[in-house]
Amino acid sequence: MGESHKIEAMPFPIQVQLVPVAVLRALRGITADAIQDAVDAGRLKFVWNINPRGNRGQICQLRFWIRELLAPGSVAHLSLAAAIGAILGERRTQWRGAEIAQMLLVSRPTIHHLNRGRVLAGRIQGNTLWIARPALERFLTDRCLFHQF
């Protein structure tokens, strides 16, 4: 009866960097409308539009940097280039399509759709889509809403 149950923190896997609106809603306990207002007002600095068509689309097509959600003060001073560098890390020069799907929390078909539309250019080697660092950096730069403020 007097037992205490310790719940240990579950860190996000490092490969999950950009999360959908549902994660933000769960973390902050706010509505999708409140999130849209925060995005429109620029209160969230690092927000990416992953809609394959490129238009703003629905809020479900937005991705939020988990680091900004968990520790906003740690990213407030970062430029977009520095944020992208932190997301991608220093060493990698290319990623498999499945790794990018995990990074963005999207389906592999979505990644292939982005590739077919030349939005996220890569090459197929064997049965694997490979995306080089410059193409991924360009995608993240072009699709960041912060970049447009």
N, C-alpha and C. Protein backbone atom coordinates (compact mmCIF):
# COMPACT_ATOMS: atom_id res chain seq x y z
N MET A 1 0.81 -1.19 0.00
CA MET A 1 0.00 0.00 0.00
C MET A 1 0.85 1.26 0.00
N GLY A 2 1.92 1.29 0.76
CA GLY A 2 2.75 2.46 0.84
C GLY A 2 3.83 2.51 -0.23
N GLU A 3 3.72 1.66 -1.24
CA GLU A 3 4.74 1.65 -2.29
C GLU A 3 4.67 2.92 -3.13
N SER A 4 5.83 3.41 -3.47
CA SER A 4 5.84 4.52 -4.41
C SER A 4 6.31 3.98 -5.75
N HIS A 5 5.67 4.43 -6.77
CA HIS A 5 6.02 4.00 -8.11
C HIS A 5 6.75 5.13 -8.80
N LYS A 6 7.97 4.85 -9.15
CA LYS A 6 8.78 5.85 -9.82
C LYS A 6 8.60 5.68 -11.33
N ILE A 7 8.23 6.76 -11.98
CA ILE A 7 8.10 6.74 -13.43
C ILE A 7 9.32 7.43 -14.00
N GLU A 8 10.08 6.70 -14.77
CA GLU A 8 11.29 7.27 -15.36
C GLU A 8 10.96 7.98 -16.65
N ALA A 9 11.71 9.03 -16.90
CA ALA A 9 11.52 9.81 -18.13
C ALA A 9 11.86 8.95 -19.34
N MET A 10 11.06 9.10 -20.37
CA MET A 10 11.33 8.42 -21.63
C MET A 10 11.83 9.44 -22.63
N PRO A 11 13.10 9.48 -22.89
CA PRO A 11 13.60 10.46 -23.87
C PRO A 11 13.14 10.08 -25.28
N PHE A 12 12.99 11.11 -26.10
CA PHE A 12 12.67 10.85 -27.50
C PHE A 12 13.91 10.24 -28.15
N PRO A 13 13.70 9.27 -29.02
CA PRO A 13 14.86 8.75 -29.77
C PRO A 13 15.50 9.89 -30.56
N ILE A 14 16.81 9.90 -30.61
CA ILE A 14 17.53 10.98 -31.27
C ILE A 14 17.15 11.13 -32.74
N GLN A 15 16.75 10.04 -33.40
CA GLN A 15 16.41 10.14 -34.81
C GLN A 15 15.07 10.83 -35.03
N VAL A 16 14.23 10.93 -34.00
CA VAL A 16 12.98 11.66 -34.13
C VAL A 16 13.26 13.11 -33.77
N GLN A 17 13.29 13.95 -34.77
CA GLN A 17 13.62 15.35 -34.56
C GLN A 17 12.45 16.29 -34.76
N LEU A 18 11.64 16.01 -35.76
CA LEU A 18 10.54 16.89 -36.11
C LEU A 18 9.24 16.12 -35.90
N VAL A 19 8.37 16.68 -35.08
CA VAL A 19 7.18 15.95 -34.66
C VAL A 19 5.91 16.64 -35.14
N PRO A 20 4.84 15.86 -35.32
CA PRO A 20 3.57 16.43 -35.78
C PRO A 20 2.85 17.17 -34.67
N VAL A 21 1.79 17.86 -35.06
CA VAL A 21 1.01 18.68 -34.15
C VAL A 21 0.47 17.88 -32.96
N ALA A 22 0.15 16.62 -33.14
CA ALA A 22 -0.39 15.80 -32.05
C ALA A 22 0.57 15.74 -30.87
N VAL A 23 1.86 15.69 -31.14
CA VAL A 23 2.85 15.65 -30.06
C VAL A 23 2.85 16.99 -29.31
N LEU A 24 2.80 18.07 -30.05
CA LEU A 24 2.75 19.40 -29.43
C LEU A 24 1.49 19.55 -28.59
N ARG A 25 0.37 19.07 -29.09
CA ARG A 25 -0.88 19.14 -28.34
C ARG A 25 -0.77 18.35 -27.04
N ALA A 26 -0.15 17.18 -27.10
CA ALA A 26 0.00 16.35 -25.90
C ALA A 26 0.97 16.98 -24.90
N LEU A 27 2.08 17.52 -25.39
CA LEU A 27 3.08 18.11 -24.49
C LEU A 27 2.59 19.37 -23.80
N ARG A 28 1.87 20.19 -24.54
CA ARG A 28 1.47 21.49 -23.99
C ARG A 28 0.01 21.55 -23.56
N GLY A 29 -0.76 20.53 -23.93
CA GLY A 29 -2.17 20.52 -23.55
C GLY A 29 -2.97 21.64 -24.17
N ILE A 30 -2.69 21.95 -25.43
CA ILE A 30 -3.39 23.03 -26.11
C ILE A 30 -4.06 22.52 -27.38
N THR A 31 -4.96 23.30 -27.91
CA THR A 31 -5.71 22.89 -29.09
C THR A 31 -4.92 23.14 -30.37
N ALA A 32 -5.37 22.52 -31.43
CA ALA A 32 -4.76 22.75 -32.74
C ALA A 32 -4.91 24.21 -33.16
N ASP A 33 -6.04 24.82 -32.82
CA ASP A 33 -6.25 26.24 -33.15
C ASP A 33 -5.24 27.13 -32.43
N ALA A 34 -4.96 26.82 -31.16
CA ALA A 34 -3.97 27.59 -30.40
C ALA A 34 -2.58 27.41 -31.00
N ILE A 35 -2.30 26.22 -31.49
CA ILE A 35 -1.00 25.97 -32.13
C ILE A 35 -0.91 26.76 -33.43
N GLN A 36 -1.98 26.74 -34.21
CA GLN A 36 -2.00 27.51 -35.46
C GLN A 36 -1.79 28.98 -35.18
N ASP A 37 -2.43 29.50 -34.13
CA ASP A 37 -2.24 30.90 -33.75
C ASP A 37 -0.78 31.17 -33.37
N ALA A 38 -0.16 30.24 -32.63
CA ALA A 38 1.25 30.41 -32.22
C ALA A 38 2.17 30.40 -33.44
N VAL A 39 1.87 29.53 -34.41
CA VAL A 39 2.66 29.48 -35.64
C VAL A 39 2.50 30.78 -36.41
N ASP A 40 1.26 31.22 -36.58
CA ASP A 40 0.99 32.44 -37.34
C ASP A 40 1.63 33.67 -36.70
N ALA A 41 1.70 33.68 -35.36
CA ALA A 41 2.27 34.82 -34.63
C ALA A 41 3.79 34.72 -34.51
N GLY A 42 4.37 33.61 -34.95
CA GLY A 42 5.81 33.45 -34.88
C GLY A 42 6.33 33.07 -33.50
N ARG A 43 5.46 32.60 -32.62
CA ARG A 43 5.89 32.20 -31.29
C ARG A 43 6.61 30.86 -31.29
N LEU A 44 6.45 30.10 -32.34
CA LEU A 44 7.22 28.88 -32.55
C LEU A 44 8.15 29.16 -33.72
N LYS A 45 9.43 29.12 -33.44
CA LYS A 45 10.43 29.56 -34.41
C LYS A 45 10.75 28.51 -35.46
N PHE A 46 10.82 27.26 -35.05
CA PHE A 46 11.26 26.21 -35.96
C PHE A 46 10.10 25.28 -36.29
N VAL A 47 9.41 25.63 -37.38
CA VAL A 47 8.24 24.89 -37.86
C VAL A 47 8.45 24.63 -39.34
N TRP A 48 8.26 23.37 -39.75
CA TRP A 48 8.46 23.00 -41.14
C TRP A 48 7.16 22.53 -41.77
N ASN A 49 6.96 22.94 -43.00
CA ASN A 49 5.83 22.49 -43.81
C ASN A 49 6.33 21.32 -44.67
N ILE A 50 5.81 20.14 -44.42
CA ILE A 50 6.26 18.97 -45.18
C ILE A 50 5.27 18.54 -46.24
N ASN A 51 4.29 19.39 -46.52
CA ASN A 51 3.30 19.08 -47.55
C ASN A 51 4.02 18.86 -48.88
N PRO A 52 3.84 17.69 -49.50
CA PRO A 52 4.53 17.41 -50.77
C PRO A 52 4.23 18.43 -51.87
N ARG A 53 3.06 19.06 -51.81
CA ARG A 53 2.71 20.04 -52.84
C ARG A 53 3.35 21.40 -52.58
N GLY A 54 3.86 21.61 -51.38
CA GLY A 54 4.54 22.86 -51.08
C GLY A 54 3.67 23.95 -50.52
N ASN A 55 2.34 23.89 -50.77
CA ASN A 55 1.50 24.94 -50.21
C ASN A 55 1.34 24.71 -48.71
N ARG A 56 0.88 25.71 -48.02
CA ARG A 56 0.81 25.66 -46.55
C ARG A 56 -0.01 24.46 -46.08
N GLY A 57 -1.10 24.19 -46.74
CA GLY A 57 -1.88 23.00 -46.38
C GLY A 57 -2.44 23.06 -44.98
N GLN A 58 -2.68 21.91 -44.43
CA GLN A 58 -3.28 21.79 -43.12
C GLN A 58 -2.22 21.74 -42.04
N ILE A 59 -2.65 22.01 -40.82
CA ILE A 59 -1.73 21.99 -39.70
C ILE A 59 -1.09 20.62 -39.51
N CYS A 60 -1.79 19.56 -39.94
CA CYS A 60 -1.22 18.21 -39.80
C CYS A 60 0.00 18.02 -40.70
N GLN A 61 0.23 18.92 -41.64
CA GLN A 61 1.40 18.85 -42.51
C GLN A 61 2.59 19.61 -41.94
N LEU A 62 2.44 20.16 -40.75
CA LEU A 62 3.53 20.89 -40.12
C LEU A 62 4.30 19.97 -39.17
N ARG A 63 5.60 20.25 -39.05
CA ARG A 63 6.45 19.51 -38.11
C ARG A 63 7.17 20.53 -37.23
N PHE A 64 7.29 20.18 -35.96
CA PHE A 64 7.86 21.04 -34.94
C PHE A 64 9.12 20.38 -34.39
N TRP A 65 10.14 21.18 -34.15
CA TRP A 65 11.40 20.65 -33.65
C TRP A 65 11.22 20.27 -32.18
N ILE A 66 11.43 19.03 -31.85
CA ILE A 66 11.20 18.53 -30.50
C ILE A 66 12.06 19.28 -29.48
N ARG A 67 13.26 19.66 -29.87
CA ARG A 67 14.14 20.40 -28.95
C ARG A 67 13.52 21.74 -28.55
N GLU A 68 12.89 22.43 -29.51
CA GLU A 68 12.24 23.70 -29.18
C GLU A 68 11.06 23.47 -28.25
N LEU A 69 10.35 22.37 -28.42
CA LEU A 69 9.19 22.10 -27.57
C LEU A 69 9.59 21.75 -26.15
N LEU A 70 10.69 21.01 -26.00
CA LEU A 70 11.11 20.56 -24.67
C LEU A 70 11.98 21.58 -23.94
N ALA A 71 12.76 22.35 -24.68
CA ALA A 71 13.67 23.33 -24.06
C ALA A 71 13.76 24.57 -24.95
N PRO A 72 12.70 25.37 -24.99
CA PRO A 72 12.67 26.51 -25.91
C PRO A 72 13.83 27.49 -25.73
N GLY A 73 14.27 27.69 -24.53
CA GLY A 73 15.37 28.62 -24.30
C GLY A 73 16.67 28.18 -24.94
N SER A 74 16.82 26.88 -25.14
CA SER A 74 18.07 26.36 -25.71
C SER A 74 18.19 26.62 -27.21
N VAL A 75 17.09 27.01 -27.86
CA VAL A 75 17.14 27.23 -29.31
C VAL A 75 16.77 28.66 -29.71
N ALA A 76 16.40 29.47 -28.74
CA ALA A 76 15.92 30.82 -29.05
C ALA A 76 16.95 31.65 -29.81
N HIS A 77 18.21 31.43 -29.55
CA HIS A 77 19.28 32.22 -30.17
C HIS A 77 19.77 31.64 -31.50
N LEU A 78 19.30 30.45 -31.87
CA LEU A 78 19.83 29.77 -33.04
C LEU A 78 19.31 30.35 -34.35
N SER A 79 20.19 30.39 -35.33
CA SER A 79 19.77 30.70 -36.70
C SER A 79 19.18 29.44 -37.31
N LEU A 80 18.54 29.61 -38.44
CA LEU A 80 17.99 28.44 -39.12
C LEU A 80 19.10 27.47 -39.51
N ALA A 81 20.20 27.98 -40.02
CA ALA A 81 21.32 27.11 -40.42
C ALA A 81 21.86 26.34 -39.22
N ALA A 82 21.96 26.99 -38.07
CA ALA A 82 22.45 26.31 -36.86
C ALA A 82 21.45 25.25 -36.40
N ALA A 83 20.16 25.55 -36.49
CA ALA A 83 19.14 24.58 -36.10
C ALA A 83 19.20 23.35 -37.01
N ILE A 84 19.31 23.58 -38.31
CA ILE A 84 19.39 22.46 -39.24
C ILE A 84 20.65 21.64 -38.96
N GLY A 85 21.76 22.31 -38.67
CA GLY A 85 22.98 21.61 -38.31
C GLY A 85 22.80 20.75 -37.07
N ALA A 86 22.08 21.28 -36.07
CA ALA A 86 21.83 20.51 -34.85
C ALA A 86 20.91 19.32 -35.12
N ILE A 87 19.94 19.51 -35.98
CA ILE A 87 19.01 18.42 -36.31
C ILE A 87 19.73 17.30 -37.05
N LEU A 88 20.56 17.66 -38.00
CA LEU A 88 21.23 16.66 -38.84
C LEU A 88 22.51 16.11 -38.22
N GLY A 89 23.08 16.82 -37.27
CA GLY A 89 24.35 16.39 -36.72
C GLY A 89 25.49 16.81 -37.63
N GLU A 90 26.69 16.56 -37.20
CA GLU A 90 27.86 17.03 -37.94
C GLU A 90 28.43 16.04 -38.95
N ARG A 91 28.27 14.78 -38.72
CA ARG A 91 29.04 13.79 -39.47
C ARG A 91 28.36 13.21 -40.70
N ARG A 92 27.07 13.09 -40.68
CA ARG A 92 26.38 12.40 -41.76
C ARG A 92 26.43 13.18 -43.06
N THR A 93 26.60 12.45 -44.17
CA THR A 93 26.59 13.08 -45.48
C THR A 93 25.41 12.61 -46.33
N GLN A 94 24.77 11.53 -45.91
CA GLN A 94 23.59 11.04 -46.62
C GLN A 94 22.74 10.18 -45.68
N TRP A 95 21.45 10.08 -46.04
CA TRP A 95 20.49 9.33 -45.25
C TRP A 95 19.65 8.46 -46.17
N ARG A 96 19.24 7.31 -45.66
CA ARG A 96 18.28 6.47 -46.37
C ARG A 96 16.90 7.12 -46.24
N GLY A 97 16.06 6.91 -47.23
CA GLY A 97 14.71 7.46 -47.19
C GLY A 97 13.97 7.07 -45.92
N ALA A 98 14.14 5.83 -45.47
CA ALA A 98 13.47 5.37 -44.25
C ALA A 98 13.94 6.15 -43.02
N GLU A 99 15.19 6.55 -42.99
CA GLU A 99 15.70 7.35 -41.87
C GLU A 99 15.08 8.75 -41.86
N ILE A 100 14.92 9.31 -43.04
CA ILE A 100 14.29 10.63 -43.12
C ILE A 100 12.82 10.53 -42.74
N ALA A 101 12.17 9.45 -43.15
CA ALA A 101 10.78 9.23 -42.75
C ALA A 101 10.67 9.20 -41.23
N GLN A 102 11.60 8.55 -40.56
CA GLN A 102 11.60 8.49 -39.10
C GLN A 102 11.92 9.87 -38.50
N MET A 103 12.84 10.59 -39.10
CA MET A 103 13.20 11.92 -38.62
C MET A 103 12.00 12.87 -38.66
N LEU A 104 11.20 12.77 -39.72
CA LEU A 104 10.05 13.65 -39.92
C LEU A 104 8.73 13.07 -39.42
N LEU A 105 8.76 11.81 -39.00
CA LEU A 105 7.56 11.07 -38.61
C LEU A 105 6.50 11.11 -39.72
N VAL A 106 6.93 10.67 -40.90
CA VAL A 106 6.04 10.53 -42.05
C VAL A 106 6.23 9.12 -42.60
N SER A 107 5.38 8.76 -43.54
CA SER A 107 5.50 7.44 -44.16
C SER A 107 6.61 7.43 -45.21
N ARG A 108 7.11 6.25 -45.48
CA ARG A 108 8.10 6.13 -46.55
C ARG A 108 7.52 6.53 -47.90
N PRO A 109 6.25 6.20 -48.21
CA PRO A 109 5.68 6.70 -49.46
C PRO A 109 5.68 8.23 -49.56
N THR A 110 5.51 8.93 -48.45
CA THR A 110 5.58 10.39 -48.47
C THR A 110 6.97 10.85 -48.88
N ILE A 111 7.99 10.21 -48.34
CA ILE A 111 9.37 10.55 -48.71
C ILE A 111 9.59 10.29 -50.19
N HIS A 112 9.10 9.17 -50.70
CA HIS A 112 9.25 8.87 -52.13
C HIS A 112 8.47 9.87 -52.98
N HIS A 113 7.31 10.31 -52.50
CA HIS A 113 6.53 11.31 -53.22
C HIS A 113 7.31 12.63 -53.30
N LEU A 114 7.93 13.03 -52.19
CA LEU A 114 8.76 14.23 -52.18
C LEU A 114 9.93 14.09 -53.15
N ASN A 115 10.48 12.89 -53.22
CA ASN A 115 11.60 12.65 -54.13
C ASN A 115 11.14 12.69 -55.59
N ARG A 116 10.03 12.05 -55.88
CA ARG A 116 9.53 12.05 -57.27
C ARG A 116 9.22 13.46 -57.74
N GLY A 117 8.74 14.31 -56.83
CA GLY A 117 8.44 15.69 -57.17
C GLY A 117 9.66 16.58 -57.16
N ARG A 118 10.84 16.01 -56.93
CA ARG A 118 12.12 16.71 -56.89
C ARG A 118 12.18 17.75 -55.77
N VAL A 119 11.30 17.61 -54.79
CA VAL A 119 11.31 18.50 -53.64
C VAL A 119 12.43 18.08 -52.68
N LEU A 120 12.64 16.79 -52.61
CA LEU A 120 13.69 16.22 -51.77
C LEU A 120 14.47 15.26 -52.68
N ALA A 121 15.38 15.82 -53.44
CA ALA A 121 16.07 15.06 -54.48
C ALA A 121 17.03 14.04 -53.88
N GLY A 122 16.99 12.87 -54.47
CA GLY A 122 17.89 11.80 -54.04
C GLY A 122 18.10 10.82 -55.18
N ARG A 123 18.78 9.73 -54.87
CA ARG A 123 19.03 8.71 -55.89
C ARG A 123 18.63 7.35 -55.34
N ILE A 124 18.18 6.51 -56.23
CA ILE A 124 17.84 5.13 -55.86
C ILE A 124 19.06 4.27 -56.16
N GLN A 125 19.50 3.54 -55.15
CA GLN A 125 20.60 2.60 -55.32
C GLN A 125 20.10 1.26 -54.79
N GLY A 126 20.01 0.29 -55.69
CA GLY A 126 19.35 -0.96 -55.32
C GLY A 126 17.88 -0.65 -55.10
N ASN A 127 17.37 -1.00 -53.95
CA ASN A 127 15.99 -0.67 -53.60
C ASN A 127 15.91 0.44 -52.56
N THR A 128 16.99 1.18 -52.39
CA THR A 128 17.06 2.18 -51.32
C THR A 128 17.19 3.58 -51.89
N LEU A 129 16.35 4.47 -51.38
CA LEU A 129 16.45 5.88 -51.72
C LEU A 129 17.49 6.50 -50.79
N TRP A 130 18.46 7.19 -51.37
CA TRP A 130 19.48 7.90 -50.61
C TRP A 130 19.34 9.39 -50.86
N ILE A 131 19.36 10.16 -49.78
CA ILE A 131 19.28 11.62 -49.87
C ILE A 131 20.58 12.19 -49.32
N ALA A 132 21.26 12.99 -50.13
CA ALA A 132 22.51 13.61 -49.71
C ALA A 132 22.24 14.80 -48.80
N ARG A 133 23.19 15.11 -47.95
CA ARG A 133 23.06 16.20 -47.00
C ARG A 133 22.64 17.53 -47.64
N PRO A 134 23.28 17.97 -48.75
CA PRO A 134 22.87 19.26 -49.33
C PRO A 134 21.39 19.29 -49.73
N ALA A 135 20.87 18.19 -50.23
CA ALA A 135 19.45 18.15 -50.62
C ALA A 135 18.55 18.23 -49.39
N LEU A 136 18.93 17.55 -48.31
CA LEU A 136 18.13 17.59 -47.09
C LEU A 136 18.23 18.97 -46.43
N GLU A 137 19.40 19.56 -46.44
CA GLU A 137 19.55 20.93 -45.90
C GLU A 137 18.70 21.92 -46.70
N ARG A 138 18.70 21.78 -48.02
CA ARG A 138 17.91 22.67 -48.89
C ARG A 138 16.41 22.50 -48.60
N PHE A 139 15.96 21.25 -48.47
CA PHE A 139 14.56 20.97 -48.15
C PHE A 139 14.18 21.62 -46.83
N LEU A 140 15.00 21.43 -45.80
CA LEU A 140 14.69 21.98 -44.48
C LEU A 140 14.75 23.51 -44.48
N THR A 141 15.63 24.08 -45.27
CA THR A 141 15.71 25.54 -45.37
C THR A 141 14.48 26.09 -46.09
N ASP A 142 14.16 25.49 -47.22
CA ASP A 142 13.03 25.98 -48.03
C ASP A 142 11.69 25.81 -47.33
N ARG A 143 11.56 24.76 -46.53
CA ARG A 143 10.27 24.44 -45.94
C ARG A 143 10.08 24.97 -44.52
N CYS A 144 11.07 25.64 -43.97
CA CYS A 144 10.92 26.19 -42.62
C CYS A 144 10.12 27.48 -42.68
N LEU A 145 9.08 27.58 -41.88
CA LEU A 145 8.26 28.79 -41.87
C LEU A 145 9.02 29.95 -41.27
N PHE A 146 9.95 29.69 -40.35
CA PHE A 146 10.81 30.72 -39.76
C PHE A 146 11.57 31.46 -40.85
N HIS A 147 12.01 30.72 -41.83
CA HIS A 147 12.75 31.24 -42.97
C HIS A 147 11.94 32.31 -43.71
N GLN A 148 10.62 32.23 -43.60
CA GLN A 148 9.75 33.14 -44.34
C GLN A 148 9.36 34.38 -43.56
N PHE A 149 9.77 34.50 -42.29
CA PHE A 149 9.38 35.67 -41.48
C PHE A 149 10.29 36.84 -41.77
